[in-house]
Amino acid sequence: MPFTDTEFAHICRARDRLLDLSEPYWPIERVAREAGISHFHFIRRFQAVFGTTPHQYRIDARLRHARLRLASGCSVTESCLDAGFESVGTFSYLFRRRLGLTPSEYRRSVRATVTVPGVLSPVYFPGCLSLMASLPVSAFSQF
């Protein structure tokens, strides 16, 4: 059954609601109601568009957020709560199941790749800038 433009817009807004971690937890039923679709129809339509259920989509978004927090040096508990998980045990279980590492192992592995200020490290810049360096000055317009 094809999507109407309105239904597609409602599902995309619902996806944005699921990604918003600043809001309090919204049950899938409430997100579906806000989209104007029944709960079970919403799950089927969401999966048809995004390839995953709304619940799994929300878990993946929360785990992505937690990974960023862990990489920035936050503790496991702080990352867990900030990402919207209520239980550190559930968070650790899901994290390990999806990423293959515990949150602590992930945090240690990411910290090992962070450069320390004051230590010489290679400087990376976009390739287009290196190509621009080979152009003559006349190739650049004067404003």
N, C-alpha and C. Protein backbone atom coordinates (compact mmCIF):
# COMPACT_ATOMS: atom_id res chain seq x y z
N MET A 1 0.84 -1.17 0.00
CA MET A 1 0.00 0.00 0.00
C MET A 1 0.89 1.24 0.00
N PRO A 2 0.79 2.10 -1.01
CA PRO A 2 1.67 3.27 -1.09
C PRO A 2 1.36 4.30 -0.01
N PHE A 3 2.36 5.09 0.28
CA PHE A 3 2.23 6.14 1.28
C PHE A 3 1.67 7.40 0.65
N THR A 4 0.83 8.09 1.38
CA THR A 4 0.43 9.43 0.96
C THR A 4 1.49 10.40 1.48
N ASP A 5 1.53 11.58 0.90
CA ASP A 5 2.51 12.57 1.35
C ASP A 5 2.30 12.92 2.82
N THR A 6 1.05 13.01 3.21
CA THR A 6 0.73 13.35 4.60
C THR A 6 1.18 12.25 5.55
N GLU A 7 0.90 10.99 5.18
CA GLU A 7 1.30 9.88 6.05
C GLU A 7 2.82 9.81 6.17
N PHE A 8 3.52 10.03 5.06
CA PHE A 8 4.97 10.00 5.08
C PHE A 8 5.51 11.13 5.98
N ALA A 9 4.92 12.31 5.88
CA ALA A 9 5.34 13.44 6.72
C ALA A 9 5.10 13.13 8.19
N HIS A 10 3.97 12.50 8.52
CA HIS A 10 3.67 12.14 9.90
C HIS A 10 4.68 11.13 10.44
N ILE A 11 5.04 10.16 9.61
CA ILE A 11 6.00 9.15 10.05
C ILE A 11 7.39 9.77 10.24
N CYS A 12 7.76 10.70 9.39
CA CYS A 12 9.05 11.37 9.55
C CYS A 12 9.07 12.24 10.81
N ARG A 13 7.97 12.91 11.11
CA ARG A 13 7.89 13.68 12.36
C ARG A 13 7.96 12.76 13.57
N ALA A 14 7.33 11.61 13.45
CA ALA A 14 7.38 10.63 14.54
C ALA A 14 8.81 10.14 14.74
N ARG A 15 9.53 9.93 13.66
CA ARG A 15 10.94 9.52 13.76
C ARG A 15 11.74 10.58 14.50
N ASP A 16 11.50 11.84 14.16
CA ASP A 16 12.20 12.93 14.84
C ASP A 16 11.87 12.95 16.33
N ARG A 17 10.63 12.64 16.67
CA ARG A 17 10.22 12.58 18.08
C ARG A 17 10.98 11.45 18.79
N LEU A 18 11.16 10.33 18.11
CA LEU A 18 11.89 9.20 18.71
C LEU A 18 13.37 9.53 18.91
N LEU A 19 13.92 10.38 18.03
CA LEU A 19 15.33 10.75 18.13
C LEU A 19 15.59 11.81 19.19
N ASP A 20 14.57 12.56 19.56
CA ASP A 20 14.74 13.66 20.50
C ASP A 20 14.91 13.12 21.92
N LEU A 21 16.12 13.20 22.42
CA LEU A 21 16.41 12.68 23.76
C LEU A 21 16.19 13.73 24.84
N SER A 22 15.97 14.98 24.43
CA SER A 22 15.76 16.03 25.42
C SER A 22 14.35 15.97 26.03
N GLU A 23 13.43 15.38 25.29
CA GLU A 23 12.05 15.25 25.77
C GLU A 23 11.97 14.06 26.72
N PRO A 24 10.99 14.06 27.63
CA PRO A 24 10.79 12.87 28.44
C PRO A 24 10.39 11.69 27.55
N TYR A 25 10.55 10.52 28.09
CA TYR A 25 10.26 9.29 27.33
C TYR A 25 8.81 9.30 26.83
N TRP A 26 8.65 9.09 25.54
CA TRP A 26 7.33 8.99 24.92
C TRP A 26 7.10 7.54 24.53
N PRO A 27 6.05 6.91 25.00
CA PRO A 27 5.75 5.55 24.57
C PRO A 27 5.41 5.52 23.08
N ILE A 28 5.69 4.41 22.44
CA ILE A 28 5.42 4.26 21.00
C ILE A 28 3.94 4.54 20.71
N GLU A 29 3.06 4.13 21.61
CA GLU A 29 1.63 4.36 21.41
C GLU A 29 1.32 5.85 21.30
N ARG A 30 1.98 6.66 22.12
CA ARG A 30 1.74 8.10 22.10
C ARG A 30 2.30 8.72 20.82
N VAL A 31 3.47 8.27 20.37
CA VAL A 31 4.06 8.78 19.13
C VAL A 31 3.15 8.42 17.96
N ALA A 32 2.61 7.20 17.96
CA ALA A 32 1.70 6.77 16.90
C ALA A 32 0.43 7.61 16.90
N ARG A 33 -0.09 7.87 18.09
CA ARG A 33 -1.31 8.68 18.20
C ARG A 33 -1.05 10.09 17.69
N GLU A 34 0.12 10.64 18.02
CA GLU A 34 0.47 11.97 17.53
C GLU A 34 0.57 11.98 15.99
N ALA A 35 1.01 10.85 15.41
CA ALA A 35 1.10 10.73 13.95
C ALA A 35 -0.26 10.46 13.32
N GLY A 36 -1.27 10.20 14.15
CA GLY A 36 -2.60 9.96 13.62
C GLY A 36 -2.79 8.57 13.04
N ILE A 37 -2.00 7.62 13.53
CA ILE A 37 -2.03 6.24 13.01
C ILE A 37 -2.19 5.31 14.21
N SER A 38 -2.88 4.19 14.01
CA SER A 38 -3.00 3.22 15.09
C SER A 38 -1.61 2.67 15.42
N HIS A 39 -1.46 2.20 16.64
CA HIS A 39 -0.18 1.72 17.15
C HIS A 39 0.43 0.64 16.25
N PHE A 40 -0.33 -0.39 15.93
CA PHE A 40 0.21 -1.51 15.14
C PHE A 40 0.45 -1.11 13.69
N HIS A 41 -0.41 -0.27 13.14
CA HIS A 41 -0.22 0.21 11.77
C HIS A 41 1.03 1.10 11.71
N PHE A 42 1.23 1.91 12.75
CA PHE A 42 2.41 2.77 12.81
C PHE A 42 3.69 1.94 12.79
N ILE A 43 3.73 0.87 13.58
CA ILE A 43 4.93 0.02 13.63
C ILE A 43 5.22 -0.58 12.25
N ARG A 44 4.19 -1.08 11.58
CA ARG A 44 4.38 -1.68 10.25
C ARG A 44 4.84 -0.64 9.24
N ARG A 45 4.21 0.54 9.25
CA ARG A 45 4.56 1.58 8.29
C ARG A 45 5.96 2.14 8.57
N PHE A 46 6.30 2.32 9.82
CA PHE A 46 7.62 2.81 10.20
C PHE A 46 8.69 1.83 9.72
N GLN A 47 8.44 0.56 9.93
CA GLN A 47 9.41 -0.45 9.51
C GLN A 47 9.54 -0.49 7.99
N ALA A 48 8.45 -0.24 7.28
CA ALA A 48 8.50 -0.22 5.82
C ALA A 48 9.36 0.94 5.32
N VAL A 49 9.33 2.07 6.01
CA VAL A 49 10.10 3.24 5.59
C VAL A 49 11.55 3.16 6.04
N PHE A 50 11.78 2.83 7.31
CA PHE A 50 13.13 2.93 7.89
C PHE A 50 13.83 1.59 8.08
N GLY A 51 13.16 0.49 7.81
CA GLY A 51 13.80 -0.82 7.87
C GLY A 51 13.99 -1.38 9.26
N THR A 52 13.40 -0.75 10.25
CA THR A 52 13.50 -1.21 11.63
C THR A 52 12.27 -0.74 12.38
N THR A 53 12.00 -1.38 13.50
CA THR A 53 10.82 -0.97 14.29
C THR A 53 11.13 0.33 15.03
N PRO A 54 10.11 1.08 15.41
CA PRO A 54 10.35 2.32 16.16
C PRO A 54 11.14 2.09 17.46
N HIS A 55 10.86 1.00 18.14
CA HIS A 55 11.56 0.71 19.39
C HIS A 55 13.06 0.49 19.14
N GLN A 56 13.40 -0.31 18.15
CA GLN A 56 14.80 -0.57 17.83
C GLN A 56 15.49 0.70 17.33
N TYR A 57 14.76 1.51 16.59
CA TYR A 57 15.29 2.78 16.09
C TYR A 57 15.66 3.69 17.26
N ARG A 58 14.78 3.75 18.26
CA ARG A 58 15.04 4.59 19.43
C ARG A 58 16.24 4.05 20.22
N ILE A 59 16.33 2.74 20.37
CA ILE A 59 17.48 2.15 21.09
C ILE A 59 18.78 2.48 20.36
N ASP A 60 18.79 2.34 19.03
CA ASP A 60 20.00 2.66 18.27
C ASP A 60 20.39 4.13 18.44
N ALA A 61 19.41 5.03 18.42
CA ALA A 61 19.69 6.45 18.60
C ALA A 61 20.27 6.72 19.98
N ARG A 62 19.73 6.08 20.99
CA ARG A 62 20.23 6.26 22.35
C ARG A 62 21.65 5.70 22.50
N LEU A 63 21.91 4.57 21.87
CA LEU A 63 23.26 4.00 21.94
C LEU A 63 24.26 4.88 21.20
N ARG A 64 23.87 5.48 20.07
CA ARG A 64 24.76 6.42 19.37
C ARG A 64 25.09 7.60 20.28
N HIS A 65 24.08 8.12 20.95
CA HIS A 65 24.29 9.25 21.86
C HIS A 65 25.22 8.83 23.01
N ALA A 66 25.00 7.65 23.55
CA ALA A 66 25.85 7.16 24.65
C ALA A 66 27.29 6.98 24.18
N ARG A 67 27.49 6.50 22.97
CA ARG A 67 28.86 6.33 22.44
C ARG A 67 29.57 7.68 22.38
N LEU A 68 28.85 8.71 21.93
CA LEU A 68 29.46 10.04 21.87
C LEU A 68 29.84 10.54 23.27
N ARG A 69 28.96 10.29 24.22
CA ARG A 69 29.23 10.71 25.60
C ARG A 69 30.43 9.95 26.17
N LEU A 70 30.49 8.65 25.91
CA LEU A 70 31.62 7.86 26.39
C LEU A 70 32.93 8.33 25.76
N ALA A 71 32.89 8.65 24.48
CA ALA A 71 34.09 9.11 23.78
C ALA A 71 34.55 10.47 24.29
N SER A 72 33.61 11.27 24.81
CA SER A 72 33.99 12.59 25.33
C SER A 72 34.51 12.52 26.76
N GLY A 73 34.52 11.32 27.36
CA GLY A 73 35.10 11.15 28.67
C GLY A 73 34.10 10.99 29.80
N CYS A 74 32.82 10.96 29.50
CA CYS A 74 31.80 10.77 30.55
C CYS A 74 31.88 9.36 31.11
N SER A 75 31.41 9.21 32.33
CA SER A 75 31.38 7.88 32.95
C SER A 75 30.28 7.05 32.30
N VAL A 76 30.32 5.75 32.55
CA VAL A 76 29.32 4.84 32.00
C VAL A 76 27.94 5.20 32.55
N THR A 77 27.85 5.44 33.83
CA THR A 77 26.56 5.77 34.45
C THR A 77 26.01 7.08 33.89
N GLU A 78 26.87 8.07 33.79
CA GLU A 78 26.44 9.37 33.26
C GLU A 78 25.98 9.24 31.81
N SER A 79 26.71 8.50 31.01
CA SER A 79 26.33 8.28 29.61
C SER A 79 25.01 7.54 29.51
N CYS A 80 24.85 6.54 30.36
CA CYS A 80 23.62 5.74 30.39
C CYS A 80 22.41 6.62 30.67
N LEU A 81 22.48 7.39 31.73
CA LEU A 81 21.34 8.23 32.13
C LEU A 81 21.09 9.35 31.14
N ASP A 82 22.16 9.93 30.60
CA ASP A 82 22.02 11.02 29.64
C ASP A 82 21.38 10.54 28.33
N ALA A 83 21.61 9.28 27.99
CA ALA A 83 21.05 8.73 26.75
C ALA A 83 19.60 8.26 26.94
N GLY A 84 19.10 8.33 28.16
CA GLY A 84 17.71 7.99 28.39
C GLY A 84 17.46 6.58 28.90
N PHE A 85 18.51 5.86 29.23
CA PHE A 85 18.34 4.53 29.82
C PHE A 85 18.16 4.69 31.33
N GLU A 86 17.33 3.86 31.91
CA GLU A 86 17.07 3.96 33.35
C GLU A 86 17.92 2.98 34.15
N SER A 87 18.43 1.95 33.51
CA SER A 87 19.19 0.91 34.20
C SER A 87 20.56 0.75 33.54
N VAL A 88 21.60 0.85 34.34
CA VAL A 88 22.96 0.66 33.82
C VAL A 88 23.15 -0.77 33.33
N GLY A 89 22.50 -1.72 34.01
CA GLY A 89 22.61 -3.12 33.59
C GLY A 89 22.01 -3.35 32.21
N THR A 90 20.81 -2.82 31.97
CA THR A 90 20.17 -2.95 30.66
C THR A 90 20.99 -2.23 29.60
N PHE A 91 21.46 -1.03 29.94
CA PHE A 91 22.29 -0.27 29.02
C PHE A 91 23.54 -1.07 28.63
N SER A 92 24.23 -1.62 29.62
CA SER A 92 25.46 -2.38 29.35
C SER A 92 25.17 -3.62 28.51
N TYR A 93 24.06 -4.29 28.81
CA TYR A 93 23.68 -5.48 28.06
C TYR A 93 23.42 -5.12 26.59
N LEU A 94 22.62 -4.09 26.36
CA LEU A 94 22.31 -3.68 24.98
C LEU A 94 23.55 -3.18 24.26
N PHE A 95 24.38 -2.43 24.96
CA PHE A 95 25.60 -1.90 24.36
C PHE A 95 26.50 -3.03 23.89
N ARG A 96 26.72 -4.01 24.77
CA ARG A 96 27.58 -5.14 24.41
C ARG A 96 26.97 -5.98 23.29
N ARG A 97 25.67 -6.16 23.35
CA ARG A 97 25.00 -6.98 22.34
C ARG A 97 25.08 -6.32 20.95
N ARG A 98 24.96 -5.00 20.89
CA ARG A 98 24.96 -4.29 19.60
C ARG A 98 26.36 -3.96 19.11
N LEU A 99 27.29 -3.65 20.02
CA LEU A 99 28.61 -3.20 19.59
C LEU A 99 29.72 -4.22 19.83
N GLY A 100 29.45 -5.24 20.62
CA GLY A 100 30.45 -6.26 20.87
C GLY A 100 31.45 -5.91 21.96
N LEU A 101 31.30 -4.76 22.60
CA LEU A 101 32.16 -4.32 23.69
C LEU A 101 31.28 -3.81 24.82
N THR A 102 31.77 -3.92 26.03
CA THR A 102 31.05 -3.29 27.14
C THR A 102 31.28 -1.78 27.04
N PRO A 103 30.44 -0.98 27.67
CA PRO A 103 30.67 0.47 27.63
C PRO A 103 32.06 0.86 28.17
N SER A 104 32.52 0.20 29.21
CA SER A 104 33.86 0.51 29.75
C SER A 104 34.95 0.18 28.75
N GLU A 105 34.84 -0.98 28.09
CA GLU A 105 35.84 -1.34 27.07
C GLU A 105 35.82 -0.35 25.92
N TYR A 106 34.63 0.05 25.50
CA TYR A 106 34.50 1.03 24.41
C TYR A 106 35.15 2.35 24.82
N ARG A 107 34.87 2.78 26.03
CA ARG A 107 35.42 4.05 26.52
C ARG A 107 36.94 4.01 26.53
N ARG A 108 37.52 2.89 27.01
CA ARG A 108 38.98 2.75 27.02
C ARG A 108 39.55 2.73 25.61
N SER A 109 38.87 2.04 24.68
CA SER A 109 39.40 1.94 23.31
C SER A 109 39.34 3.28 22.59
N VAL A 110 38.30 4.06 22.86
CA VAL A 110 38.18 5.37 22.23
C VAL A 110 39.18 6.34 22.83
N ARG A 111 39.36 6.28 24.12
CA ARG A 111 40.31 7.18 24.79
C ARG A 111 41.72 6.95 24.28
N ALA A 112 42.05 5.73 23.87
CA ALA A 112 43.39 5.44 23.37
C ALA A 112 43.64 6.11 22.02
N THR A 113 42.57 6.46 21.30
CA THR A 113 42.76 7.08 19.98
C THR A 113 42.69 8.59 20.03
N VAL A 114 42.40 9.17 21.18
CA VAL A 114 42.31 10.62 21.32
C VAL A 114 43.71 11.20 21.44
N THR A 115 43.97 12.29 20.71
CA THR A 115 45.29 12.90 20.78
C THR A 115 45.37 13.80 22.00
N VAL A 116 46.54 13.86 22.56
CA VAL A 116 46.79 14.67 23.75
C VAL A 116 47.29 16.04 23.30
N PRO A 117 46.71 17.12 23.84
CA PRO A 117 47.20 18.45 23.47
C PRO A 117 48.67 18.60 23.81
N GLY A 118 49.40 19.26 22.93
CA GLY A 118 50.83 19.48 23.16
C GLY A 118 51.70 18.40 22.56
N VAL A 119 51.11 17.29 22.14
CA VAL A 119 51.88 16.22 21.53
C VAL A 119 51.75 16.37 20.02
N LEU A 120 52.87 16.32 19.34
CA LEU A 120 52.83 16.48 17.89
C LEU A 120 52.07 15.32 17.26
N SER A 121 51.14 15.66 16.41
CA SER A 121 50.39 14.66 15.68
C SER A 121 50.24 15.13 14.25
N PRO A 122 49.95 14.23 13.33
CA PRO A 122 49.81 14.66 11.94
C PRO A 122 48.64 15.63 11.79
N VAL A 123 48.81 16.57 10.90
CA VAL A 123 47.75 17.54 10.62
C VAL A 123 47.00 17.07 9.39
N TYR A 124 45.70 16.94 9.53
CA TYR A 124 44.88 16.50 8.42
C TYR A 124 44.06 17.67 7.91
N PHE A 125 43.94 17.76 6.59
CA PHE A 125 43.10 18.79 6.01
C PHE A 125 42.47 18.22 4.74
N PRO A 126 41.37 18.83 4.27
CA PRO A 126 40.66 18.29 3.10
C PRO A 126 41.54 18.25 1.87
N GLY A 127 41.36 17.22 1.05
CA GLY A 127 42.13 17.06 -0.17
C GLY A 127 41.94 18.18 -1.16
N CYS A 128 40.75 18.81 -1.14
CA CYS A 128 40.50 19.90 -2.08
C CYS A 128 41.45 21.07 -1.83
N LEU A 129 41.85 21.26 -0.57
CA LEU A 129 42.80 22.35 -0.28
C LEU A 129 44.17 22.05 -0.85
N SER A 130 44.57 20.79 -0.84
CA SER A 130 45.87 20.46 -1.41
C SER A 130 45.84 20.62 -2.93
N LEU A 131 44.69 20.38 -3.55
CA LEU A 131 44.57 20.61 -4.99
C LEU A 131 44.60 22.10 -5.31
N MET A 132 44.00 22.90 -4.44
CA MET A 132 43.99 24.35 -4.66
C MET A 132 45.39 24.92 -4.60
N ALA A 133 46.27 24.30 -3.82
CA ALA A 133 47.63 24.80 -3.69
C ALA A 133 48.40 24.69 -4.99
N SER A 134 47.99 23.76 -5.87
CA SER A 134 48.70 23.60 -7.13
C SER A 134 48.17 24.52 -8.23
N LEU A 135 47.09 25.25 -7.96
CA LEU A 135 46.52 26.16 -8.96
C LEU A 135 47.28 27.48 -8.96
N PRO A 136 47.34 28.12 -10.11
CA PRO A 136 47.99 29.43 -10.15
C PRO A 136 47.11 30.48 -9.45
N VAL A 137 47.72 31.56 -9.01
CA VAL A 137 47.00 32.62 -8.31
C VAL A 137 45.91 33.19 -9.19
N SER A 138 46.12 33.22 -10.50
CA SER A 138 45.12 33.80 -11.41
C SER A 138 43.83 32.99 -11.45
N ALA A 139 43.83 31.76 -10.93
CA ALA A 139 42.64 30.95 -10.94
C ALA A 139 41.62 31.40 -9.90
N PHE A 140 42.05 32.24 -8.97
CA PHE A 140 41.14 32.71 -7.91
C PHE A 140 40.67 34.11 -8.27
N SER A 141 39.36 34.29 -8.18
CA SER A 141 38.79 35.60 -8.51
C SER A 141 39.04 36.58 -7.38
N GLN A 142 39.16 37.82 -7.71
CA GLN A 142 39.35 38.87 -6.73
C GLN A 142 38.00 39.53 -6.47
N PHE A 143 37.62 39.63 -5.21
CA PHE A 143 36.33 40.24 -4.86
C PHE A 143 36.50 41.69 -4.52
